[in-house]
Amino acid sequence: MAEPKFEKLLEELERLVAELEEGDLGLDDALKKYEAGVKAYKKCRALLEKAERKIEILFKDQSGELTRQEFKPGGDNSGDS
């Protein structure tokens, strides 16, 4: 089975949140939707973390050539390592 796309998971999460915010659900239905929302959130988070690990930033070196540098979350990505 193919891994769900981030956008579809995010839509599902937004739909679940909207249904929970309406407040028209019984306790059992609300818990089921909450559990489904937590699962969708965790999958979204995992996909974002996976994407973050893949990000590379291209930089031009002093000679004008493009070089690759690994993305450093929260770090200095200026290329002046």
PDB file of N, CA and C in Angstrom:
ATOM      1  N   MET A   1       0.846  -1.183   0.000  1.00  0.00           N
ATOM      2  CA  MET A   1       0.000   0.000   0.000  1.00  0.00           C
ATOM      3  C   MET A   1       0.889   1.243   0.000  1.00  0.00           C
ATOM      4  N   ALA A   2       0.558   2.210  -0.814  1.00  0.00           N
ATOM      5  CA  ALA A   2       1.342   3.440  -0.948  1.00  0.00           C
ATOM      6  C   ALA A   2       1.186   4.299   0.306  1.00  0.00           C
ATOM      7  N   GLU A   3       2.244   5.012   0.635  1.00  0.00           N
ATOM      8  CA  GLU A   3       2.216   5.924   1.768  1.00  0.00           C
ATOM      9  C   GLU A   3       1.294   7.096   1.438  1.00  0.00           C
ATOM     10  N   PRO A   4       0.411   7.475   2.360  1.00  0.00           N
ATOM     11  CA  PRO A   4      -0.506   8.588   2.072  1.00  0.00           C
ATOM     12  C   PRO A   4       0.262   9.890   1.883  1.00  0.00           C
ATOM     13  N   LYS A   5      -0.272  10.725   1.032  1.00  0.00           N
ATOM     14  CA  LYS A   5       0.365  12.016   0.768  1.00  0.00           C
ATOM     15  C   LYS A   5       0.082  12.981   1.912  1.00  0.00           C
ATOM     16  N   PHE A   6       1.058  13.839   2.162  1.00  0.00           N
ATOM     17  CA  PHE A   6       0.954  14.807   3.252  1.00  0.00           C
ATOM     18  C   PHE A   6      -0.316  15.644   3.120  1.00  0.00           C
ATOM     19  N   GLU A   7      -0.583  16.123   1.922  1.00  0.00           N
ATOM     20  CA  GLU A   7      -1.732  17.005   1.714  1.00  0.00           C
ATOM     21  C   GLU A   7      -3.048  16.309   2.078  1.00  0.00           C
ATOM     22  N   LYS A   8      -3.176  15.038   1.711  1.00  0.00           N
ATOM     23  CA  LYS A   8      -4.397  14.284   2.039  1.00  0.00           C
ATOM     24  C   LYS A   8      -4.516  14.096   3.541  1.00  0.00           C
ATOM     25  N   LEU A   9      -3.400  13.787   4.182  1.00  0.00           N
ATOM     26  CA  LEU A   9      -3.418  13.617   5.641  1.00  0.00           C
ATOM     27  C   LEU A   9      -3.779  14.920   6.341  1.00  0.00           C
ATOM     28  N   LEU A  10      -3.249  16.022   5.843  1.00  0.00           N
ATOM     29  CA  LEU A  10      -3.534  17.322   6.436  1.00  0.00           C
ATOM     30  C   LEU A  10      -5.018  17.673   6.264  1.00  0.00           C
ATOM     31  N   GLU A  11      -5.571  17.392   5.092  1.00  0.00           N
ATOM     32  CA  GLU A  11      -7.010  17.627   4.869  1.00  0.00           C
ATOM     33  C   GLU A  11      -7.839  16.795   5.843  1.00  0.00           C
ATOM     34  N   GLU A  12      -7.442  15.537   6.020  1.00  0.00           N
ATOM     35  CA  GLU A  12      -8.149  14.652   6.951  1.00  0.00           C
ATOM     36  C   GLU A  12      -8.073  15.210   8.372  1.00  0.00           C
ATOM     37  N   LEU A  13      -6.904  15.659   8.771  1.00  0.00           N
ATOM     38  CA  LEU A  13      -6.720  16.220  10.106  1.00  0.00           C
ATOM     39  C   LEU A  13      -7.577  17.472  10.283  1.00  0.00           C
ATOM     40  N   GLU A  14      -7.588  18.341   9.289  1.00  0.00           N
ATOM     41  CA  GLU A  14      -8.400  19.560   9.367  1.00  0.00           C
ATOM     42  C   GLU A  14      -9.888  19.229   9.456  1.00  0.00           C
ATOM     43  N   ARG A  15     -10.326  18.223   8.707  1.00  0.00           N
ATOM     44  CA  ARG A  15     -11.730  17.811   8.745  1.00  0.00           C
ATOM     45  C   ARG A  15     -12.093  17.287  10.131  1.00  0.00           C
ATOM     46  N   LEU A  16     -11.221  16.456  10.688  1.00  0.00           N
ATOM     47  CA  LEU A  16     -11.471  15.895  12.018  1.00  0.00           C
ATOM     48  C   LEU A  16     -11.531  16.988  13.074  1.00  0.00           C
ATOM     49  N   VAL A  17     -10.622  17.935  12.999  1.00  0.00           N
ATOM     50  CA  VAL A  17     -10.610  19.039  13.963  1.00  0.00           C
ATOM     51  C   VAL A  17     -11.901  19.847  13.853  1.00  0.00           C
ATOM     52  N   ALA A  18     -12.336  20.120  12.632  1.00  0.00           N
ATOM     53  CA  ALA A  18     -13.575  20.886  12.439  1.00  0.00           C
ATOM     54  C   ALA A  18     -14.772  20.144  13.040  1.00  0.00           C
ATOM     55  N   GLU A  19     -14.821  18.832  12.829  1.00  0.00           N
ATOM     56  CA  GLU A  19     -15.928  18.046  13.380  1.00  0.00           C
ATOM     57  C   GLU A  19     -15.899  18.049  14.906  1.00  0.00           C
ATOM     58  N   LEU A  20     -14.708  17.958  15.473  1.00  0.00           N
ATOM     59  CA  LEU A  20     -14.595  17.985  16.929  1.00  0.00           C
ATOM     60  C   LEU A  20     -14.955  19.366  17.490  1.00  0.00           C
ATOM     61  N   GLU A  21     -14.576  20.407  16.778  1.00  0.00           N
ATOM     62  CA  GLU A  21     -14.865  21.768  17.251  1.00  0.00           C
ATOM     63  C   GLU A  21     -16.347  22.091  17.214  1.00  0.00           C
ATOM     64  N   GLU A  22     -17.086  21.438  16.311  1.00  0.00           N
ATOM     65  CA  GLU A  22     -18.536  21.684  16.248  1.00  0.00           C
ATOM     66  C   GLU A  22     -19.216  21.267  17.543  1.00  0.00           C
ATOM     67  N   GLY A  23     -18.691  20.245  18.192  1.00  0.00           N
ATOM     68  CA  GLY A  23     -19.239  19.825  19.479  1.00  0.00           C
ATOM     69  C   GLY A  23     -20.534  19.050  19.412  1.00  0.00           C
ATOM     70  N   ASP A  24     -20.937  18.580  18.231  1.00  0.00           N
ATOM     71  CA  ASP A  24     -22.200  17.865  18.075  1.00  0.00           C
ATOM     72  C   ASP A  24     -22.037  16.350  18.183  1.00  0.00           C
ATOM     73  N   LEU A  25     -20.882  15.875  18.576  1.00  0.00           N
ATOM     74  CA  LEU A  25     -20.611  14.444  18.617  1.00  0.00           C
ATOM     75  C   LEU A  25     -20.832  13.886  20.012  1.00  0.00           C
ATOM     76  N   GLY A  26     -21.227  12.625  20.049  1.00  0.00           N
ATOM     77  CA  GLY A  26     -21.280  11.937  21.321  1.00  0.00           C
ATOM     78  C   GLY A  26     -19.866  11.600  21.769  1.00  0.00           C
ATOM     79  N   LEU A  27     -19.729  11.166  22.999  1.00  0.00           N
ATOM     80  CA  LEU A  27     -18.412  10.891  23.554  1.00  0.00           C
ATOM     81  C   LEU A  27     -17.670   9.830  22.753  1.00  0.00           C
ATOM     82  N   ASP A  28     -18.331   8.734  22.415  1.00  0.00           N
ATOM     83  CA  ASP A  28     -17.660   7.660  21.665  1.00  0.00           C
ATOM     84  C   ASP A  28     -17.188   8.136  20.299  1.00  0.00           C
ATOM     85  N   ASP A  29     -18.047   8.850  19.591  1.00  0.00           N
ATOM     86  CA  ASP A  29     -17.669   9.368  18.268  1.00  0.00           C
ATOM     87  C   ASP A  29     -16.538  10.386  18.383  1.00  0.00           C
ATOM     88  N   ALA A  30     -16.608  11.231  19.392  1.00  0.00           N
ATOM     89  CA  ALA A  30     -15.569  12.237  19.591  1.00  0.00           C
ATOM     90  C   ALA A  30     -14.225  11.563  19.872  1.00  0.00           C
ATOM     91  N   LEU A  31     -14.234  10.519  20.695  1.00  0.00           N
ATOM     92  CA  LEU A  31     -12.990   9.806  20.994  1.00  0.00           C
ATOM     93  C   LEU A  31     -12.422   9.136  19.750  1.00  0.00           C
ATOM     94  N   LYS A  32     -13.289   8.547  18.942  1.00  0.00           N
ATOM     95  CA  LYS A  32     -12.828   7.903  17.701  1.00  0.00           C
ATOM     96  C   LYS A  32     -12.190   8.935  16.767  1.00  0.00           C
ATOM     97  N   LYS A  33     -12.841  10.073  16.644  1.00  0.00           N
ATOM     98  CA  LYS A  33     -12.304  11.116  15.764  1.00  0.00           C
ATOM     99  C   LYS A  33     -11.013  11.699  16.333  1.00  0.00           C
ATOM    100  N   TYR A  34     -10.950  11.831  17.649  1.00  0.00           N
ATOM    101  CA  TYR A  34      -9.729  12.317  18.288  1.00  0.00           C
ATOM    102  C   TYR A  34      -8.573  11.349  18.021  1.00  0.00           C
ATOM    103  N   GLU A  35      -8.830  10.048  18.192  1.00  0.00           N
ATOM    104  CA  GLU A  35      -7.796   9.040  17.932  1.00  0.00           C
ATOM    105  C   GLU A  35      -7.349   9.075  16.477  1.00  0.00           C
ATOM    106  N   ALA A  36      -8.301   9.210  15.556  1.00  0.00           N
ATOM    107  CA  ALA A  36      -7.968   9.300  14.132  1.00  0.00           C
ATOM    108  C   ALA A  36      -7.144  10.559  13.863  1.00  0.00           C
ATOM    109  N   GLY A  37      -7.469  11.646  14.546  1.00  0.00           N
ATOM    110  CA  GLY A  37      -6.725  12.890  14.396  1.00  0.00           C
ATOM    111  C   GLY A  37      -5.294  12.763  14.889  1.00  0.00           C
ATOM    112  N   VAL A  38      -5.119  12.083  16.007  1.00  0.00           N
ATOM    113  CA  VAL A  38      -3.767  11.881  16.542  1.00  0.00           C
ATOM    114  C   VAL A  38      -2.944  11.047  15.565  1.00  0.00           C
ATOM    115  N   LYS A  39      -3.547  10.014  14.996  1.00  0.00           N
ATOM    116  CA  LYS A  39      -2.841   9.180  14.010  1.00  0.00           C
ATOM    117  C   LYS A  39      -2.454  10.004  12.783  1.00  0.00           C
ATOM    118  N   ALA A  40      -3.392  10.815  12.286  1.00  0.00           N
ATOM    119  CA  ALA A  40      -3.110  11.655  11.112  1.00  0.00           C
ATOM    120  C   ALA A  40      -2.007  12.657  11.435  1.00  0.00           C
ATOM    121  N   TYR A  41      -2.061  13.237  12.633  1.00  0.00           N
ATOM    122  CA  TYR A  41      -1.030  14.190  13.062  1.00  0.00           C
ATOM    123  C   TYR A  41       0.344  13.525  13.088  1.00  0.00           C
ATOM    124  N   LYS A  42       0.419  12.342  13.665  1.00  0.00           N
ATOM    125  CA  LYS A  42       1.705  11.642  13.766  1.00  0.00           C
ATOM    126  C   LYS A  42       2.264  11.294  12.392  1.00  0.00           C
ATOM    127  N   LYS A  43       1.379  10.905  11.467  1.00  0.00           N
ATOM    128  CA  LYS A  43       1.826  10.605  10.102  1.00  0.00           C
ATOM    129  C   LYS A  43       2.324  11.876   9.408  1.00  0.00           C
ATOM    130  N   CYS A  44       1.595  12.986   9.581  1.00  0.00           N
ATOM    131  CA  CYS A  44       2.027  14.274   9.009  1.00  0.00           C
ATOM    132  C   CYS A  44       3.386  14.657   9.565  1.00  0.00           C
ATOM    133  N   ARG A  45       3.538  14.547  10.855  1.00  0.00           N
ATOM    134  CA  ARG A  45       4.794  14.907  11.515  1.00  0.00           C
ATOM    135  C   ARG A  45       5.952  14.063  10.986  1.00  0.00           C
ATOM    136  N   ALA A  46       5.709  12.752  10.824  1.00  0.00           N
ATOM    137  CA  ALA A  46       6.753  11.852  10.321  1.00  0.00           C
ATOM    138  C   ALA A  46       7.143  12.223   8.894  1.00  0.00           C
ATOM    139  N   LEU A  47       6.155  12.558   8.062  1.00  0.00           N
ATOM    140  CA  LEU A  47       6.447  12.950   6.684  1.00  0.00           C
ATOM    141  C   LEU A  47       7.238  14.257   6.644  1.00  0.00           C
ATOM    142  N   LEU A  48       6.890  15.199   7.516  1.00  0.00           N
ATOM    143  CA  LEU A  48       7.628  16.466   7.575  1.00  0.00           C
ATOM    144  C   LEU A  48       9.071  16.237   8.029  1.00  0.00           C
ATOM    145  N   GLU A  49       9.251  15.382   9.010  1.00  0.00           N
ATOM    146  CA  GLU A  49      10.604  15.090   9.489  1.00  0.00           C
ATOM    147  C   GLU A  49      11.428  14.406   8.403  1.00  0.00           C
ATOM    148  N   LYS A  50      10.790  13.505   7.665  1.00  0.00           N
ATOM    149  CA  LYS A  50      11.473  12.820   6.567  1.00  0.00           C
ATOM    150  C   LYS A  50      11.884  13.827   5.493  1.00  0.00           C
ATOM    151  N   ALA A  51      10.990  14.741   5.167  1.00  0.00           N
ATOM    152  CA  ALA A  51      11.291  15.765   4.159  1.00  0.00           C
ATOM    153  C   ALA A  51      12.409  16.678   4.648  1.00  0.00           C
ATOM    154  N   GLU A  52      12.373  17.039   5.916  1.00  0.00           N
ATOM    155  CA  GLU A  52      13.390  17.924   6.464  1.00  0.00           C
ATOM    156  C   GLU A  52      14.779  17.310   6.338  1.00  0.00           C
ATOM    157  N   ARG A  53      14.866  16.004   6.555  1.00  0.00           N
ATOM    158  CA  ARG A  53      16.160  15.327   6.442  1.00  0.00           C
ATOM    159  C   ARG A  53      16.680  15.325   5.013  1.00  0.00           C
ATOM    160  N   LYS A  54      15.787  15.440   4.049  1.00  0.00           N
ATOM    161  CA  LYS A  54      16.189  15.390   2.645  1.00  0.00           C
ATOM    162  C   LYS A  54      16.568  16.753   2.068  1.00  0.00           C
ATOM    163  N   ILE A  55      16.189  17.798   2.773  1.00  0.00           N
ATOM    164  CA  ILE A  55      16.405  19.137   2.222  1.00  0.00           C
ATOM    165  C   ILE A  55      17.888  19.451   2.106  1.00  0.00           C
ATOM    166  N   GLU A  56      18.250  19.905   0.964  1.00  0.00           N
ATOM    167  CA  GLU A  56      19.602  20.420   0.763  1.00  0.00           C
ATOM    168  C   GLU A  56      19.467  21.821   0.179  1.00  0.00           C
ATOM    169  N   ILE A  57      20.353  22.692   0.574  1.00  0.00           N
ATOM    170  CA  ILE A  57      20.334  24.055   0.060  1.00  0.00           C
ATOM    171  C   ILE A  57      21.502  24.227  -0.892  1.00  0.00           C
ATOM    172  N   LEU A  58      21.212  24.801  -2.032  1.00  0.00           N
ATOM    173  CA  LEU A  58      22.277  25.064  -3.004  1.00  0.00           C
ATOM    174  C   LEU A  58      22.889  26.437  -2.742  1.00  0.00           C
ATOM    175  N   PHE A  59      24.193  26.487  -2.795  1.00  0.00           N
ATOM    176  CA  PHE A  59      24.923  27.732  -2.592  1.00  0.00           C
ATOM    177  C   PHE A  59      25.905  27.939  -3.735  1.00  0.00           C
ATOM    178  N   LYS A  60      26.192  29.180  -4.031  1.00  0.00           N
ATOM    179  CA  LYS A  60      27.260  29.502  -4.974  1.00  0.00           C
ATOM    180  C   LYS A  60      28.527  29.725  -4.168  1.00  0.00           C
ATOM    181  N   ASP A  61      29.593  29.082  -4.611  1.00  0.00           N
ATOM    182  CA  ASP A  61      30.854  29.322  -3.927  1.00  0.00           C
ATOM    183  C   ASP A  61      31.501  30.580  -4.498  1.00  0.00           C
ATOM    184  N   GLN A  62      32.697  30.897  -4.079  1.00  0.00           N
ATOM    185  CA  GLN A  62      33.347  32.133  -4.496  1.00  0.00           C
ATOM    186  C   GLN A  62      33.598  32.199  -5.989  1.00  0.00           C
ATOM    187  N   SER A  63      33.708  31.050  -6.646  1.00  0.00           N
ATOM    188  CA  SER A  63      33.947  31.048  -8.092  1.00  0.00           C
ATOM    189  C   SER A  63      32.641  31.072  -8.887  1.00  0.00           C
ATOM    190  N   GLY A  64      31.505  31.127  -8.195  1.00  0.00           N
ATOM    191  CA  GLY A  64      30.218  31.166  -8.876  1.00  0.00           C
ATOM    192  C   GLY A  64      29.617  29.805  -9.137  1.00  0.00           C
ATOM    193  N   GLU A  65      30.325  28.750  -8.746  1.00  0.00           N
ATOM    194  CA  GLU A  65      29.821  27.394  -8.928  1.00  0.00           C
ATOM    195  C   GLU A  65      28.809  27.069  -7.834  1.00  0.00           C
ATOM    196  N   LEU A  66      27.776  26.301  -8.196  1.00  0.00           N
ATOM    197  CA  LEU A  66      26.804  25.871  -7.197  1.00  0.00           C
ATOM    198  C   LEU A  66      27.372  24.690  -6.429  1.00  0.00           C
ATOM    199  N   THR A  67      27.237  24.738  -5.126  1.00  0.00           N
ATOM    200  CA  THR A  67      27.643  23.626  -4.276  1.00  0.00           C
ATOM    201  C   THR A  67      26.464  23.245  -3.409  1.00  0.00           C
ATOM    202  N   ARG A  68      26.494  22.032  -2.917  1.00  0.00           N
ATOM    203  CA  ARG A  68      25.409  21.568  -2.049  1.00  0.00           C
ATOM    204  C   ARG A  68      25.862  21.595  -0.606  1.00  0.00           C
ATOM    205  N   GLN A  69      24.910  21.917   0.255  1.00  0.00           N
ATOM    206  CA  GLN A  69      25.181  21.901   1.679  1.00  0.00           C
ATOM    207  C   GLN A  69      23.962  21.314   2.366  1.00  0.00           C
ATOM    208  N   GLU A  70      24.171  20.430   3.310  1.00  0.00           N
ATOM    209  CA  GLU A  70      23.064  19.839   4.049  1.00  0.00           C
ATOM    210  C   GLU A  70      22.320  20.917   4.824  1.00  0.00           C
ATOM    211  N   PHE A  71      21.026  20.802   4.881  1.00  0.00           N
ATOM    212  CA  PHE A  71      20.193  21.713   5.654  1.00  0.00           C
ATOM    213  C   PHE A  71      20.420  21.444   7.133  1.00  0.00           C
ATOM    214  N   LYS A  72      20.611  22.497   7.902  1.00  0.00           N
ATOM    215  CA  LYS A  72      20.808  22.370   9.343  1.00  0.00           C
ATOM    216  C   LYS A  72      19.629  23.025  10.051  1.00  0.00           C
ATOM    217  N   PRO A  73      18.661  22.222  10.523  1.00  0.00           N
ATOM    218  CA  PRO A  73      17.493  22.804  11.207  1.00  0.00           C
ATOM    219  C   PRO A  73      17.921  23.679  12.371  1.00  0.00           C
ATOM    220  N   GLY A  74      17.454  24.908  12.363  1.00  0.00           N
ATOM    221  CA  GLY A  74      17.759  25.829  13.435  1.00  0.00           C
ATOM    222  C   GLY A  74      19.201  26.295  13.449  1.00  0.00           C
ATOM    223  N   GLY A  75      19.951  25.895  12.426  1.00  0.00           N
ATOM    224  CA  GLY A  75      21.363  26.253  12.400  1.00  0.00           C
ATOM    225  C   GLY A  75      21.646  27.317  11.376  1.00  0.00           C
ATOM    226  N   ASP A  76      22.923  27.532  11.146  1.00  0.00           N
ATOM    227  CA  ASP A  76      23.378  28.523  10.176  1.00  0.00           C
ATOM    228  C   ASP A  76      23.432  27.866   8.814  1.00  0.00           C
ATOM    229  N   ASN A  77      22.623  28.335   7.876  1.00  0.00           N
ATOM    230  CA  ASN A  77      22.595  27.807   6.520  1.00  0.00           C
ATOM    231  C   ASN A  77      23.139  28.813   5.517  1.00  0.00           C
ATOM    232  N   SER A  78      23.993  29.698   5.994  1.00  0.00           N
ATOM    233  CA  SER A  78      24.501  30.773   5.141  1.00  0.00           C
ATOM    234  C   SER A  78      25.541  30.299   4.151  1.00  0.00           C
ATOM    235  N   GLY A  79      26.098  29.123   4.373  1.00  0.00           N
ATOM    236  CA  GLY A  79      27.129  28.624   3.473  1.00  0.00           C
ATOM    237  C   GLY A  79      28.525  29.019   3.894  1.00  0.00           C
ATOM    238  N   ASP A  80      28.634  29.757   4.979  1.00  0.00           N
ATOM    239  CA  ASP A  80      29.949  30.206   5.457  1.00  0.00           C
ATOM    240  C   ASP A  80      30.432  29.313   6.584  1.00  0.00           C
ATOM    241  N   SER A  81      30.447  28.009   6.381  1.00  0.00           N
ATOM    242  CA  SER A  81      30.783  27.057   7.436  1.00  0.00           C
ATOM    243  C   SER A  81      32.199  27.196   7.886  1.00  0.00           C
TER     244      SER A  81
END
